[in-house]
Amino acid sequence: MHTTWRLGVLPGGVENVVVLAGGHQATDAGALAAAADALHTAAARLGRREYRVTVGDTEIIVIPGLTEDGALDLTDLGDALEAVWPAAGDGGHDRY
């Protein structure tokens, strides 16, 4: 079974999420990795915003943090997604 993923951003002053990227991967782990890559790229380009990452049926709201110097912290975004995604603890195997 393929796993669908999507990345969106909630721009300031609006109520609707704008979809930035999405796709299908053969595995849950592949979908999570693709979503994490897209999130990193979008955050580097758009900055600190509210991002919506959907992998399968799970939606995760992500707002990148700031470093001690006040710069955007892009480190470990993929690890953060894995930490909160329900299937991440299964060693990357499909849930289905």
N, C-alpha and C. Protein backbone atom coordinates (compact mmCIF):
# COMPACT_ATOMS: atom_id res chain seq x y z
N MET A 1 0.84 -1.18 0.00
CA MET A 1 0.00 0.00 0.00
C MET A 1 0.89 1.24 0.00
N HIS A 2 0.50 2.24 -0.73
CA HIS A 2 1.25 3.49 -0.78
C HIS A 2 0.78 4.43 0.32
N THR A 3 1.70 5.25 0.80
CA THR A 3 1.38 6.23 1.83
C THR A 3 1.45 7.62 1.22
N THR A 4 0.41 8.38 1.43
CA THR A 4 0.32 9.75 0.92
C THR A 4 0.89 10.72 1.95
N TRP A 5 1.58 11.73 1.47
CA TRP A 5 2.09 12.78 2.35
C TRP A 5 1.79 14.13 1.72
N ARG A 6 1.71 15.16 2.58
CA ARG A 6 1.45 16.51 2.09
C ARG A 6 2.07 17.51 3.06
N LEU A 7 2.55 18.61 2.51
CA LEU A 7 3.09 19.71 3.31
C LEU A 7 2.34 20.97 2.95
N GLY A 8 1.85 21.66 3.96
CA GLY A 8 1.18 22.93 3.76
C GLY A 8 1.72 23.96 4.73
N VAL A 9 1.40 25.21 4.46
CA VAL A 9 1.80 26.30 5.35
C VAL A 9 0.58 27.18 5.60
N LEU A 10 0.49 27.69 6.81
CA LEU A 10 -0.58 28.63 7.15
C LEU A 10 0.02 30.02 7.13
N PRO A 11 -0.17 30.76 6.03
CA PRO A 11 0.40 32.11 5.95
C PRO A 11 -0.24 33.03 6.99
N GLY A 12 0.49 34.02 7.42
CA GLY A 12 -0.02 34.98 8.39
C GLY A 12 -1.25 35.71 7.88
N GLY A 13 -2.24 35.87 8.74
CA GLY A 13 -3.42 36.65 8.40
C GLY A 13 -4.48 35.92 7.60
N VAL A 14 -4.31 34.63 7.37
CA VAL A 14 -5.32 33.86 6.63
C VAL A 14 -5.72 32.63 7.44
N GLU A 15 -6.83 32.02 7.04
CA GLU A 15 -7.33 30.85 7.76
C GLU A 15 -7.13 29.56 7.01
N ASN A 16 -6.71 29.61 5.76
CA ASN A 16 -6.60 28.41 4.95
C ASN A 16 -5.14 28.03 4.72
N VAL A 17 -4.88 26.74 4.82
CA VAL A 17 -3.54 26.21 4.58
C VAL A 17 -3.28 26.20 3.08
N VAL A 18 -2.09 26.62 2.68
CA VAL A 18 -1.65 26.58 1.29
C VAL A 18 -0.76 25.36 1.13
N VAL A 19 -1.14 24.46 0.23
CA VAL A 19 -0.36 23.24 0.01
C VAL A 19 0.89 23.59 -0.78
N LEU A 20 2.05 23.16 -0.26
CA LEU A 20 3.34 23.43 -0.89
C LEU A 20 3.88 22.24 -1.66
N ALA A 21 3.63 21.04 -1.15
CA ALA A 21 4.19 19.84 -1.77
C ALA A 21 3.39 18.63 -1.32
N GLY A 22 3.57 17.54 -2.01
CA GLY A 22 2.90 16.30 -1.62
C GLY A 22 3.23 15.20 -2.59
N GLY A 23 2.85 14.00 -2.21
CA GLY A 23 3.10 12.86 -3.08
C GLY A 23 2.74 11.55 -2.42
N HIS A 24 3.17 10.48 -3.05
CA HIS A 24 2.93 9.12 -2.57
C HIS A 24 4.26 8.40 -2.52
N GLN A 25 4.45 7.60 -1.49
CA GLN A 25 5.65 6.78 -1.36
C GLN A 25 5.23 5.34 -1.10
N ALA A 26 6.10 4.42 -1.43
CA ALA A 26 5.79 3.00 -1.27
C ALA A 26 5.69 2.58 0.19
N THR A 27 6.37 3.29 1.08
CA THR A 27 6.37 2.93 2.50
C THR A 27 6.06 4.14 3.36
N ASP A 28 5.65 3.87 4.59
CA ASP A 28 5.43 4.95 5.55
C ASP A 28 6.73 5.71 5.81
N ALA A 29 7.82 4.97 5.97
CA ALA A 29 9.12 5.60 6.23
C ALA A 29 9.52 6.51 5.07
N GLY A 30 9.26 6.06 3.85
CA GLY A 30 9.57 6.88 2.67
C GLY A 30 8.74 8.14 2.62
N ALA A 31 7.46 8.03 2.98
CA ALA A 31 6.58 9.21 3.00
C ALA A 31 7.03 10.19 4.07
N LEU A 32 7.40 9.68 5.22
CA LEU A 32 7.87 10.56 6.30
C LEU A 32 9.16 11.27 5.89
N ALA A 33 10.07 10.55 5.25
CA ALA A 33 11.33 11.15 4.81
C ALA A 33 11.09 12.22 3.75
N ALA A 34 10.19 11.95 2.81
CA ALA A 34 9.89 12.94 1.76
C ALA A 34 9.25 14.19 2.37
N ALA A 35 8.34 14.00 3.33
CA ALA A 35 7.71 15.13 3.99
C ALA A 35 8.72 15.95 4.79
N ALA A 36 9.64 15.26 5.45
CA ALA A 36 10.68 15.95 6.23
C ALA A 36 11.59 16.77 5.33
N ASP A 37 11.96 16.21 4.18
CA ASP A 37 12.80 16.95 3.23
C ASP A 37 12.07 18.19 2.71
N ALA A 38 10.79 18.03 2.38
CA ALA A 38 10.01 19.17 1.88
C ALA A 38 9.85 20.24 2.97
N LEU A 39 9.66 19.81 4.21
CA LEU A 39 9.53 20.75 5.33
C LEU A 39 10.82 21.55 5.51
N HIS A 40 11.94 20.88 5.45
CA HIS A 40 13.23 21.56 5.62
C HIS A 40 13.43 22.60 4.53
N THR A 41 13.15 22.22 3.30
CA THR A 41 13.30 23.13 2.16
C THR A 41 12.36 24.33 2.29
N ALA A 42 11.10 24.07 2.65
CA ALA A 42 10.13 25.17 2.78
C ALA A 42 10.49 26.11 3.91
N ALA A 43 10.90 25.56 5.05
CA ALA A 43 11.25 26.41 6.20
C ALA A 43 12.48 27.25 5.90
N ALA A 44 13.44 26.68 5.16
CA ALA A 44 14.63 27.45 4.79
C ALA A 44 14.26 28.61 3.86
N ARG A 45 13.25 28.40 3.03
CA ARG A 45 12.84 29.42 2.06
C ARG A 45 11.86 30.43 2.66
N LEU A 46 10.89 29.94 3.43
CA LEU A 46 9.80 30.80 3.91
C LEU A 46 9.98 31.30 5.34
N GLY A 47 10.84 30.65 6.09
CA GLY A 47 11.08 31.08 7.46
C GLY A 47 10.17 30.42 8.48
N ARG A 48 10.10 31.05 9.64
CA ARG A 48 9.37 30.51 10.78
C ARG A 48 7.88 30.78 10.61
N ARG A 49 7.19 29.75 10.20
CA ARG A 49 5.74 29.82 9.98
C ARG A 49 5.11 28.56 10.57
N GLU A 50 3.80 28.49 10.50
CA GLU A 50 3.10 27.29 10.94
C GLU A 50 2.93 26.36 9.75
N TYR A 51 3.57 25.20 9.81
CA TYR A 51 3.52 24.21 8.74
C TYR A 51 2.62 23.06 9.16
N ARG A 52 1.92 22.48 8.21
CA ARG A 52 1.06 21.32 8.44
C ARG A 52 1.63 20.17 7.62
N VAL A 53 2.09 19.15 8.29
CA VAL A 53 2.64 17.96 7.63
C VAL A 53 1.64 16.83 7.83
N THR A 54 1.19 16.24 6.75
CA THR A 54 0.28 15.11 6.83
C THR A 54 0.97 13.90 6.22
N VAL A 55 1.04 12.83 6.99
CA VAL A 55 1.59 11.56 6.53
C VAL A 55 0.53 10.50 6.82
N GLY A 56 0.01 9.88 5.76
CA GLY A 56 -1.10 8.96 5.96
C GLY A 56 -2.28 9.73 6.51
N ASP A 57 -2.81 9.28 7.64
CA ASP A 57 -3.96 9.93 8.27
C ASP A 57 -3.57 10.85 9.42
N THR A 58 -2.28 11.06 9.61
CA THR A 58 -1.81 11.84 10.75
C THR A 58 -1.35 13.22 10.32
N GLU A 59 -1.92 14.25 10.94
CA GLU A 59 -1.49 15.63 10.67
C GLU A 59 -0.65 16.12 11.84
N ILE A 60 0.49 16.72 11.53
CA ILE A 60 1.41 17.24 12.53
C ILE A 60 1.59 18.73 12.25
N ILE A 61 1.42 19.55 13.27
CA ILE A 61 1.64 20.99 13.14
C ILE A 61 3.06 21.29 13.61
N VAL A 62 3.83 21.95 12.77
CA VAL A 62 5.24 22.21 13.06
C VAL A 62 5.52 23.71 12.94
N ILE A 63 6.13 24.26 13.97
CA ILE A 63 6.64 25.63 13.92
C ILE A 63 8.11 25.55 14.30
N PRO A 64 9.02 25.73 13.34
CA PRO A 64 10.45 25.62 13.66
C PRO A 64 10.84 26.59 14.77
N GLY A 65 11.77 26.16 15.58
CA GLY A 65 12.23 26.99 16.69
C GLY A 65 13.29 27.99 16.27
N LEU A 66 13.81 28.67 17.26
CA LEU A 66 14.87 29.65 17.05
C LEU A 66 16.10 29.24 17.85
N THR A 67 17.26 29.59 17.33
CA THR A 67 18.50 29.35 18.06
C THR A 67 18.65 30.39 19.16
N GLU A 68 19.67 30.23 19.99
CA GLU A 68 19.92 31.21 21.05
C GLU A 68 20.19 32.61 20.49
N ASP A 69 20.69 32.66 19.25
CA ASP A 69 20.98 33.94 18.60
C ASP A 69 19.77 34.52 17.87
N GLY A 70 18.63 33.81 17.90
CA GLY A 70 17.43 34.30 17.25
C GLY A 70 17.29 33.90 15.79
N ALA A 71 18.20 33.06 15.29
CA ALA A 71 18.11 32.58 13.91
C ALA A 71 17.17 31.38 13.84
N LEU A 72 16.62 31.12 12.67
CA LEU A 72 15.74 29.98 12.45
C LEU A 72 16.52 28.68 12.66
N ASP A 73 15.99 27.78 13.46
CA ASP A 73 16.65 26.50 13.75
C ASP A 73 16.06 25.42 12.86
N LEU A 74 16.79 25.02 11.83
CA LEU A 74 16.33 24.01 10.90
C LEU A 74 16.86 22.62 11.23
N THR A 75 17.65 22.50 12.27
CA THR A 75 18.22 21.20 12.61
C THR A 75 17.15 20.29 13.20
N ASP A 76 17.27 19.05 12.89
CA ASP A 76 16.44 17.99 13.49
C ASP A 76 14.95 18.09 13.19
N LEU A 77 14.54 18.77 12.12
CA LEU A 77 13.12 18.81 11.80
C LEU A 77 12.60 17.41 11.47
N GLY A 78 13.38 16.63 10.73
CA GLY A 78 12.98 15.27 10.41
C GLY A 78 12.87 14.40 11.65
N ASP A 79 13.83 14.55 12.57
CA ASP A 79 13.78 13.79 13.82
C ASP A 79 12.55 14.17 14.63
N ALA A 80 12.18 15.43 14.61
CA ALA A 80 11.00 15.87 15.35
C ALA A 80 9.74 15.24 14.78
N LEU A 81 9.65 15.15 13.45
CA LEU A 81 8.49 14.50 12.84
C LEU A 81 8.42 13.04 13.25
N GLU A 82 9.57 12.36 13.20
CA GLU A 82 9.60 10.95 13.58
C GLU A 82 9.19 10.75 15.02
N ALA A 83 9.54 11.68 15.88
CA ALA A 83 9.24 11.54 17.30
C ALA A 83 7.74 11.62 17.60
N VAL A 84 6.99 12.34 16.79
CA VAL A 84 5.57 12.50 17.07
C VAL A 84 4.67 11.69 16.15
N TRP A 85 5.23 11.09 15.11
CA TRP A 85 4.40 10.33 14.18
C TRP A 85 4.19 8.92 14.73
N PRO A 86 2.95 8.44 14.81
CA PRO A 86 2.65 7.16 15.47
C PRO A 86 3.41 5.96 14.92
N ALA A 87 3.67 5.90 13.62
CA ALA A 87 4.32 4.73 13.04
C ALA A 87 5.84 4.78 13.14
N ALA A 88 6.38 5.87 13.64
CA ALA A 88 7.84 6.02 13.64
C ALA A 88 8.53 5.02 14.54
N GLY A 89 7.85 4.57 15.57
CA GLY A 89 8.47 3.64 16.51
C GLY A 89 8.52 2.21 16.03
N ASP A 90 8.02 1.92 14.84
CA ASP A 90 8.00 0.53 14.37
C ASP A 90 9.19 0.18 13.50
N GLY A 91 10.24 0.97 13.56
CA GLY A 91 11.44 0.68 12.78
C GLY A 91 11.31 1.01 11.32
N GLY A 92 10.33 1.81 10.95
CA GLY A 92 10.18 2.22 9.56
C GLY A 92 9.37 1.24 8.73
N HIS A 93 8.77 0.24 9.35
CA HIS A 93 7.97 -0.72 8.60
C HIS A 93 6.56 -0.19 8.39
N ASP A 94 5.93 -0.67 7.35
CA ASP A 94 4.56 -0.24 7.07
C ASP A 94 3.62 -0.62 8.21
N ARG A 95 2.65 0.22 8.46
CA ARG A 95 1.66 -0.06 9.50
C ARG A 95 0.59 -1.01 9.01
N TYR A 96 0.45 -1.18 7.73
CA TYR A 96 -0.69 -1.88 7.17
C TYR A 96 -0.39 -3.32 6.85
